[in-house]
């Protein structure tokens, strides 16, 4: 950030009084510009024993498979964002069951919130951000062609939990150096 969005004057990176980290601060109007993580909301849509995945028609990770998910918009709840993304990417009618995974990615300032959901019907099709959408049995999941580690983690947990018949909330952290912190519930 170079200029204040309030008055247009240059900003400086400094630790404001009473704060503990550098922020962009306007020298003219004293506005502190906070930058916070982005929330990615999505669903894990289930139809019987299958999972609905989308093949990405956009970067990053063009052509790879993912769950329907995307950035939350202002003015919506996480559930609304997850439902909207499922509609936009897969034209999928879903019923949200529960918050299932919360995954922190501090190195890129994102938090993923994935909801377990029931696919309500077979009336789905690719949205503008998807090349195709398809139902997969566990044995058919394209593990080596998944777009994001967050999706790999969520699917792995789902199939483990399905065997147990219990679906607890999973929290997880993925770090920049490919290290991951264990889920305290496992």
Foldseek 3Di string as FASTA:
>chain_A
DAADPVPGAGWDWDADPPGDGTFTAHPPPRDTDDDAFWEKAAEFEDDPQWTKWFQFCDDDLHRFIFGQIGTDDPPDDSVVRHQVSCCQAKVFDKAFDAFFEWEAEVVRRYIYTYTYIYGPDPPIFGHPGGPTMDIDHPVRPPLVRHRDPVRVVRSVLVVVCVVVVDGDHWYWYQYPVRDIDDTPVD
